[in-house]
Amino acid sequence: MSAPYTPAAPGRLQPGQRLFSPKAWAGLLAAVAVLALLPLLNLALPPGHPLHVSSYTVALLGKFMCYAMAALALDLVWGYAGILSLGHGVFFALGGYAHGMYLMRAIGRDGVYQSHLPDFMVFLDWKEYPWYWAFTDHFLYAMLLVVLVPGALAFIFGYFAFRSRIKGVYFSIITQAMTFAAMLLFFRNDTGFGGNNGFTDFKRILGFDITAPDTRAALYWTTLAALAAALVAARAVTQSKLGRVLTALRDSESRLRFIGYDPLGFKLFVWTLSAVMCGIAGALYVPQVGIINPGEMSTETSIEMVIWVATGGRGTLIGPIVGAGAVNGLKTWFTSVLPEFWLYALGLIFVLTTLFLPQGIVGLLRQLASRRYARKTP
């Protein structure tokens, strides 16, 4: 008689399961190959061809992959360390703004006012760039900011929060407050970040026309490569000894302290790593979407990230990617048909997931696989 199935906690596998089985690896490689092929179908085939992929589809999938990378970053801290963040939108937006500063400098004198300053600065009667815009006309320096700014904010915020042993719902609330405060700051016109409108009307990236199909394809492939690299890195972290400490931290922090571990360093590491991943996702998002504004820091954006992870399955790594794609695909369709009801639909998705799919889509598939394994075990 086979043993009854018992649901596993997030990040904990049933007997006979592996995080990525050989079949899962094969499926992932096949998915990457198919996704990598799509821009070629856009570039090589004319619009009337039955296999032609539209530029809109390529840009939309590129955006979804950025969201998937942000969801994967959140899964590292929520699914494996038990740290529920309602403020990851700020790290995503900061990475986007850091890259956006370079893209605005790359416009040169091709703006409406034909000034060396961005149009919004000319409109607001700025005479020169603020000091924190220095060197942002260099791509490598801007990429350094993409990593350092979200990472530094996460490290400083996390150090004081974790040292004070703030956790649970209280930590979630202060992350939401941090995001809201940052959004209000970036809404101000005198901060030098474009106020309500943010950055837009980009022209070039590394000297290439940012709207050209070849450039779009290159950005798409870069995003796909970054997402694949982030998944491999996240798996390496979670399957290491560090990952086991993180799951122990999630399950019983007090017991971990009792046996001699100081959770502060472990929390800081995974929290900062997650923020950096989110910032890179935001930097890849901006040139493909063509705009970054304080709306990306809204609390709604951070809550949507939580829903992506919950829908796909937290503590699974691949689940957040699936969830981000599924929810945003539904959002794209829903907002074109009934845009005023999307928030209600999003709330319903979260409620139904909590009630009927507590381990998400990937968790459901794992349950089915575990039951099949249990039936085969004498």
Protein backbone atom coordinates (compact mmCIF):
# COMPACT_ATOMS: atom_id res chain seq x y z
CA MET A 1 0.00 0.00 0.00
CA SER A 2 1.45 3.37 -0.98
CA ALA A 3 1.86 6.19 1.50
CA PRO A 4 -0.62 9.07 1.33
CA TYR A 5 0.50 12.25 -0.33
CA THR A 6 1.55 15.08 2.00
CA PRO A 7 2.01 18.56 0.50
CA ALA A 8 5.53 19.86 0.68
CA ALA A 9 6.44 23.26 1.99
CA PRO A 10 7.69 25.78 -0.56
CA GLY A 11 11.25 24.93 -1.52
CA ARG A 12 10.99 21.42 -0.07
CA LEU A 13 10.67 18.49 -2.46
CA GLN A 14 8.83 15.22 -2.07
CA PRO A 15 10.69 11.87 -2.25
CA GLY A 16 11.56 11.07 -5.84
CA GLN A 17 11.52 14.74 -6.84
CA ARG A 18 14.35 16.96 -7.97
CA LEU A 19 14.22 20.70 -8.42
CA PHE A 20 14.83 20.22 -12.14
CA SER A 21 14.65 16.65 -13.41
CA PRO A 22 16.30 15.67 -16.72
CA LYS A 23 12.89 16.03 -18.39
CA ALA A 24 12.48 19.48 -16.84
CA TRP A 25 15.93 20.54 -18.09
CA ALA A 26 15.02 19.27 -21.56
CA GLY A 27 11.77 21.22 -21.44
CA LEU A 28 13.56 24.38 -20.33
CA LEU A 29 16.12 24.09 -23.11
CA ALA A 30 13.34 23.53 -25.64
CA ALA A 31 11.47 26.59 -24.34
CA VAL A 32 14.63 28.73 -24.58
CA ALA A 33 15.23 27.51 -28.13
CA VAL A 34 11.67 28.33 -29.20
CA LEU A 35 11.80 31.76 -27.58
CA ALA A 36 15.17 32.49 -29.18
CA LEU A 37 13.76 31.60 -32.59
CA LEU A 38 10.89 34.11 -32.50
CA PRO A 39 12.91 37.28 -33.34
CA LEU A 40 14.42 35.43 -36.32
CA LEU A 41 10.91 34.74 -37.60
CA ASN A 42 10.22 38.45 -37.24
CA LEU A 43 13.37 39.53 -39.08
CA ALA A 44 13.60 36.87 -41.78
CA LEU A 45 9.98 36.43 -42.83
CA PRO A 46 7.71 39.05 -44.42
CA PRO A 47 4.55 40.14 -42.55
CA GLY A 48 2.28 38.11 -44.81
CA HIS A 49 4.07 34.83 -44.13
CA PRO A 50 2.15 32.37 -41.90
CA LEU A 51 5.20 31.90 -39.62
CA HIS A 52 5.94 35.62 -39.31
CA VAL A 53 6.06 36.90 -35.72
CA SER A 54 5.03 40.53 -35.34
CA SER A 55 7.28 43.15 -33.78
CA TYR A 56 4.55 43.73 -31.19
CA THR A 57 4.73 40.10 -30.09
CA VAL A 58 8.52 40.20 -29.80
CA ALA A 59 8.37 43.37 -27.68
CA LEU A 60 5.56 41.94 -25.53
CA LEU A 61 7.44 38.71 -24.83
CA GLY A 62 10.57 40.71 -24.02
CA LYS A 63 8.57 42.66 -21.44
CA PHE A 64 7.15 39.45 -19.99
CA MET A 65 10.66 38.03 -19.58
CA CYS A 66 11.68 41.13 -17.61
CA TYR A 67 8.67 40.59 -15.35
CA ALA A 68 9.61 36.91 -15.03
CA MET A 69 13.11 37.84 -13.88
CA ALA A 70 11.65 40.19 -11.26
CA ALA A 71 9.31 37.42 -10.07
CA LEU A 72 12.24 35.00 -9.86
CA ALA A 73 14.11 37.54 -7.72
CA LEU A 74 11.15 37.83 -5.36
CA ASP A 75 10.89 34.04 -5.11
CA LEU A 76 14.44 33.90 -3.74
CA VAL A 77 13.49 35.95 -0.69
CA TRP A 78 9.87 34.89 -0.25
CA GLY A 79 9.86 31.30 -1.38
CA TYR A 80 13.18 30.27 0.16
CA ALA A 81 13.93 32.71 2.98
CA GLY A 82 10.34 33.42 4.00
CA ILE A 83 10.77 37.20 3.59
CA LEU A 84 7.62 38.62 2.02
CA SER A 85 8.51 41.88 0.28
CA LEU A 86 5.85 44.31 -0.87
CA GLY A 87 8.49 46.72 -2.15
CA HIS A 88 10.39 44.98 -4.92
CA GLY A 89 8.89 47.43 -7.40
CA VAL A 90 11.32 50.08 -6.17
CA PHE A 91 14.36 47.95 -7.07
CA PHE A 92 12.88 47.22 -10.49
CA ALA A 93 12.26 50.93 -11.08
CA LEU A 94 15.68 52.05 -9.82
CA GLY A 95 17.38 49.73 -12.28
CA GLY A 96 15.15 51.15 -14.99
CA TYR A 97 15.93 54.75 -14.03
CA ALA A 98 19.68 54.06 -13.94
CA HIS A 99 19.56 52.74 -17.51
CA GLY A 100 17.08 55.44 -18.48
CA MET A 101 19.57 58.13 -17.52
CA TYR A 102 22.01 56.76 -20.09
CA LEU A 103 19.27 56.50 -22.72
CA MET A 104 18.24 60.10 -22.10
CA ARG A 105 21.84 61.28 -22.47
CA ALA A 106 22.10 59.26 -25.71
CA ILE A 107 19.31 61.37 -27.25
CA GLY A 108 21.81 64.21 -27.59
CA ARG A 109 20.34 67.22 -29.39
CA ASP A 110 17.60 65.24 -31.13
CA GLY A 111 14.98 66.25 -28.59
CA VAL A 112 12.16 68.70 -29.14
CA TYR A 113 14.22 71.64 -27.81
CA GLN A 114 17.45 70.50 -29.52
CA SER A 115 19.38 71.02 -26.29
CA HIS A 116 22.11 68.93 -24.71
CA LEU A 117 19.74 68.62 -21.75
CA PRO A 118 16.68 66.32 -21.81
CA ASP A 119 13.44 68.02 -22.85
CA PHE A 120 11.93 67.87 -19.35
CA MET A 121 14.94 69.72 -17.91
CA VAL A 122 14.70 72.44 -20.56
CA PHE A 123 10.96 72.78 -19.89
CA LEU A 124 11.65 73.19 -16.16
CA ASP A 125 14.39 75.75 -16.89
CA TRP A 126 17.31 73.62 -15.70
CA LYS A 127 20.67 75.01 -16.84
CA GLU A 128 22.85 71.98 -16.26
CA TYR A 129 22.70 68.36 -15.19
CA PRO A 130 22.48 67.59 -11.45
CA TRP A 131 25.65 66.12 -9.93
CA TYR A 132 24.20 62.60 -9.78
CA TRP A 133 23.84 62.61 -13.58
CA ALA A 134 27.63 62.79 -13.94
CA PHE A 135 29.17 60.10 -16.19
CA THR A 136 25.75 58.65 -17.05
CA ASP A 137 26.55 59.22 -20.73
CA HIS A 138 28.88 56.21 -20.40
CA PHE A 139 27.07 52.91 -20.88
CA LEU A 140 29.30 50.87 -18.56
CA TYR A 141 28.94 53.40 -15.76
CA ALA A 142 25.16 53.32 -16.17
CA MET A 143 25.22 49.51 -15.98
CA LEU A 144 27.26 49.80 -12.80
CA LEU A 145 24.53 52.04 -11.37
CA VAL A 146 21.93 49.45 -12.37
CA VAL A 147 23.62 47.01 -9.99
CA LEU A 148 24.89 49.35 -7.26
CA VAL A 149 21.86 51.57 -6.65
CA PRO A 150 19.26 48.85 -5.97
CA GLY A 151 21.91 46.75 -4.20
CA ALA A 152 23.02 49.61 -1.92
CA LEU A 153 19.45 50.56 -1.03
CA ALA A 154 18.58 46.93 -0.28
CA PHE A 155 21.71 46.42 1.81
CA ILE A 156 21.21 49.55 3.93
CA PHE A 157 17.47 49.01 4.36
CA GLY A 158 17.90 45.30 5.05
CA TYR A 159 20.75 45.79 7.52
CA PHE A 160 18.73 48.00 9.83
CA ALA A 161 15.52 46.00 9.39
CA PHE A 162 17.08 42.57 9.91
CA ARG A 163 19.35 43.75 12.73
CA SER A 164 16.22 44.99 14.51
CA ARG A 165 14.67 41.56 13.90
CA ILE A 166 11.73 43.00 12.04
CA LYS A 167 9.97 40.20 10.20
CA GLY A 168 6.62 38.88 9.11
CA VAL A 169 3.85 41.30 8.31
CA TYR A 170 5.75 44.19 9.89
CA PHE A 171 8.60 43.78 7.44
CA SER A 172 6.13 43.62 4.54
CA ILE A 173 4.53 46.87 5.69
CA ILE A 174 7.79 48.79 5.93
CA THR A 175 8.89 47.59 2.48
CA GLN A 176 5.60 48.89 1.14
CA ALA A 177 6.18 52.20 2.94
CA MET A 178 9.70 52.41 1.45
CA THR A 179 8.30 51.92 -2.05
CA PHE A 180 5.58 54.49 -1.57
CA ALA A 181 8.05 57.05 -0.22
CA ALA A 182 10.35 56.50 -3.21
CA MET A 183 7.44 56.91 -5.59
CA LEU A 184 6.46 60.24 -4.01
CA LEU A 185 10.07 61.41 -4.24
CA PHE A 186 10.37 60.56 -7.94
CA PHE A 187 7.05 62.25 -8.68
CA ARG A 188 8.63 65.59 -7.74
CA ASN A 189 9.85 67.68 -10.66
CA ASP A 190 12.81 69.07 -8.71
CA THR A 191 14.48 65.67 -8.27
CA GLY A 192 15.76 65.61 -11.85
CA PHE A 193 14.03 62.41 -12.91
CA GLY A 194 11.25 63.74 -15.08
CA GLY A 195 8.54 63.92 -12.44
CA ASN A 196 5.24 62.31 -13.32
CA ASN A 197 6.26 61.62 -16.94
CA GLY A 198 9.61 60.04 -16.15
CA PHE A 199 11.94 59.21 -19.05
CA THR A 200 10.72 58.48 -22.56
CA ASP A 201 11.30 59.20 -26.26
CA PHE A 202 14.57 57.25 -26.35
CA LYS A 203 16.48 57.37 -29.64
CA ARG A 204 19.61 55.23 -29.41
CA ILE A 205 21.39 52.60 -27.37
CA LEU A 206 25.13 52.09 -27.90
CA GLY A 207 24.79 54.13 -31.10
CA PHE A 208 22.06 51.90 -32.60
CA ASP A 209 18.54 53.05 -33.39
CA ILE A 210 16.51 51.76 -30.46
CA THR A 211 13.38 51.24 -32.59
CA ALA A 212 15.13 49.27 -35.34
CA PRO A 213 14.03 45.61 -35.63
CA ASP A 214 17.64 44.40 -35.29
CA THR A 215 18.09 46.36 -32.07
CA ARG A 216 14.79 45.07 -30.72
CA ALA A 217 15.87 41.52 -31.47
CA ALA A 218 19.21 42.07 -29.73
CA LEU A 219 17.46 43.44 -26.64
CA TYR A 220 15.10 40.46 -26.66
CA TRP A 221 17.97 37.95 -26.85
CA THR A 222 19.85 39.79 -24.11
CA THR A 223 16.79 39.59 -21.87
CA LEU A 224 16.33 35.89 -22.60
CA ALA A 225 19.99 35.22 -21.79
CA ALA A 226 19.75 37.25 -18.57
CA LEU A 227 16.63 35.36 -17.48
CA ALA A 228 18.28 31.99 -18.18
CA ALA A 229 21.42 33.06 -16.29
CA ALA A 230 19.32 34.30 -13.35
CA LEU A 231 17.48 30.96 -13.21
CA VAL A 232 20.73 28.98 -13.21
CA ALA A 233 22.23 31.28 -10.54
CA ALA A 234 19.11 31.06 -8.36
CA ARG A 235 19.13 27.28 -8.62
CA ALA A 236 22.82 27.19 -7.65
CA VAL A 237 22.09 29.31 -4.57
CA THR A 238 19.02 27.38 -3.44
CA GLN A 239 20.61 23.93 -3.95
CA SER A 240 23.77 24.86 -2.04
CA LYS A 241 24.40 24.75 1.71
CA LEU A 242 23.39 28.40 1.75
CA GLY A 243 20.02 27.45 0.29
CA ARG A 244 19.47 24.89 3.04
CA VAL A 245 20.25 27.53 5.66
CA LEU A 246 17.77 29.88 3.98
CA THR A 247 14.97 27.31 4.08
CA ALA A 248 15.81 26.57 7.72
CA LEU A 249 15.66 30.31 8.34
CA ARG A 250 12.23 30.40 6.73
CA ASP A 251 10.89 27.42 8.67
CA SER A 252 12.23 28.31 12.13
CA GLU A 253 14.50 31.30 12.62
CA SER A 254 14.58 30.89 16.40
CA ARG A 255 15.78 27.28 16.10
CA LEU A 256 18.47 28.40 13.65
CA ARG A 257 19.71 30.96 16.19
CA PHE A 258 19.70 28.29 18.89
CA ILE A 259 22.09 26.03 16.97
CA GLY A 260 24.56 28.87 16.46
CA TYR A 261 23.70 30.61 13.17
CA ASP A 262 23.36 34.38 12.91
CA PRO A 263 20.54 34.99 10.38
CA LEU A 264 21.58 38.58 9.65
CA GLY A 265 24.27 37.77 7.08
CA PHE A 266 22.17 35.17 5.28
CA LYS A 267 19.16 37.47 5.08
CA LEU A 268 21.26 40.38 3.88
CA PHE A 269 22.90 38.32 1.15
CA VAL A 270 19.72 36.90 -0.38
CA TRP A 271 17.86 40.20 0.04
CA THR A 272 20.58 42.19 -1.71
CA LEU A 273 21.01 39.57 -4.44
CA SER A 274 17.27 39.64 -5.08
CA ALA A 275 17.28 43.45 -5.33
CA VAL A 276 20.17 43.39 -7.82
CA MET A 277 18.37 40.83 -9.99
CA CYS A 278 15.26 42.98 -9.90
CA GLY A 279 17.26 46.07 -10.89
CA ILE A 280 18.76 44.24 -13.88
CA ALA A 281 15.25 43.21 -14.92
CA GLY A 282 14.16 46.86 -14.75
CA ALA A 283 17.16 47.97 -16.82
CA LEU A 284 16.26 45.46 -19.56
CA TYR A 285 12.61 46.50 -19.39
CA VAL A 286 13.10 50.20 -20.12
CA PRO A 287 14.58 50.15 -23.67
CA GLN A 288 12.02 47.56 -24.79
CA VAL A 289 8.98 49.36 -23.41
CA GLY A 290 10.30 52.85 -24.15
CA ILE A 291 9.39 54.53 -20.87
CA ILE A 292 10.09 54.52 -17.14
CA ASN A 293 8.12 56.61 -14.67
CA PRO A 294 7.28 56.58 -10.93
CA GLY A 295 4.27 54.38 -11.64
CA GLU A 296 6.66 51.41 -11.69
CA MET A 297 7.30 52.11 -8.00
CA SER A 298 3.64 51.97 -7.06
CA THR A 299 2.58 49.53 -4.37
CA GLU A 300 0.27 47.90 -6.93
CA THR A 301 3.29 46.87 -9.01
CA SER A 302 4.96 45.21 -6.01
CA ILE A 303 1.74 43.43 -5.07
CA GLU A 304 1.38 42.17 -8.64
CA MET A 305 4.85 40.62 -8.34
CA VAL A 306 3.65 38.73 -5.27
CA ILE A 307 0.66 37.47 -7.24
CA TRP A 308 2.92 36.27 -10.08
CA VAL A 309 4.97 34.24 -7.61
CA ALA A 310 1.93 32.86 -5.77
CA THR A 311 0.14 31.90 -8.98
CA GLY A 312 3.15 30.10 -10.45
CA GLY A 313 4.25 28.51 -7.19
CA ARG A 314 6.64 30.01 -4.67
CA GLY A 315 9.74 28.15 -3.70
CA THR A 316 9.97 26.49 -7.13
CA LEU A 317 12.01 29.03 -9.18
CA ILE A 318 10.31 28.03 -12.42
CA GLY A 319 6.88 28.77 -10.95
CA PRO A 320 7.34 32.56 -10.76
CA ILE A 321 8.41 32.59 -14.41
CA VAL A 322 5.28 30.66 -15.36
CA GLY A 323 3.13 32.86 -13.14
CA ALA A 324 4.53 36.11 -14.54
CA GLY A 325 3.88 34.95 -18.08
CA ALA A 326 0.38 33.63 -17.35
CA VAL A 327 -0.86 36.61 -15.33
CA ASN A 328 0.59 39.22 -17.68
CA GLY A 329 -0.68 37.37 -20.72
CA LEU A 330 -4.15 37.41 -19.18
CA LYS A 331 -3.68 41.09 -18.30
CA THR A 332 -2.80 41.96 -21.91
CA TRP A 333 -5.97 40.29 -23.15
CA PHE A 334 -8.21 41.52 -20.34
CA THR A 335 -7.15 45.16 -20.53
CA SER A 336 -7.92 45.20 -24.24
CA VAL A 337 -11.45 43.87 -23.65
CA LEU A 338 -12.54 45.08 -20.20
CA PRO A 339 -9.77 47.36 -18.91
CA GLU A 340 -11.83 48.84 -16.08
CA PHE A 341 -12.33 45.41 -14.49
CA TRP A 342 -8.74 44.19 -14.56
CA LEU A 343 -8.00 44.94 -10.89
CA TYR A 344 -11.06 42.95 -9.87
CA ALA A 345 -9.90 40.06 -12.03
CA LEU A 346 -6.41 40.27 -10.52
CA GLY A 347 -7.84 40.11 -7.02
CA LEU A 348 -9.98 37.14 -8.01
CA ILE A 349 -6.91 35.34 -9.37
CA PHE A 350 -5.14 35.79 -6.04
CA VAL A 351 -8.15 34.61 -4.02
CA LEU A 352 -8.69 31.53 -6.20
CA THR A 353 -4.99 30.70 -6.13
CA THR A 354 -4.92 30.96 -2.33
CA LEU A 355 -8.01 28.77 -1.93
CA PHE A 356 -7.53 26.13 -4.61
CA LEU A 357 -3.85 26.32 -5.67
CA PRO A 358 -1.90 27.16 -2.49
CA GLN A 359 1.29 25.85 -4.10
CA GLY A 360 0.60 27.45 -7.49
CA ILE A 361 0.58 25.97 -10.97
CA VAL A 362 3.96 24.26 -10.62
CA GLY A 363 3.00 23.00 -7.17
CA LEU A 364 -0.08 21.35 -8.66
CA LEU A 365 2.05 19.62 -11.30
CA ARG A 366 4.41 18.43 -8.57
CA GLN A 367 1.48 17.04 -6.57
CA LEU A 368 0.36 15.04 -9.58
CA ALA A 369 3.90 13.77 -10.14
CA SER A 370 4.27 12.83 -6.45
CA ARG A 371 0.99 10.91 -6.47
CA ARG A 372 2.11 9.04 -9.54
CA TYR A 373 5.40 8.24 -7.79
CA ALA A 374 3.52 7.12 -4.65
CA ARG A 375 1.36 4.72 -6.66
CA LYS A 376 4.49 3.14 -8.15
CA THR A 377 6.15 2.74 -4.74
CA PRO A 378 5.17 -0.54 -3.00
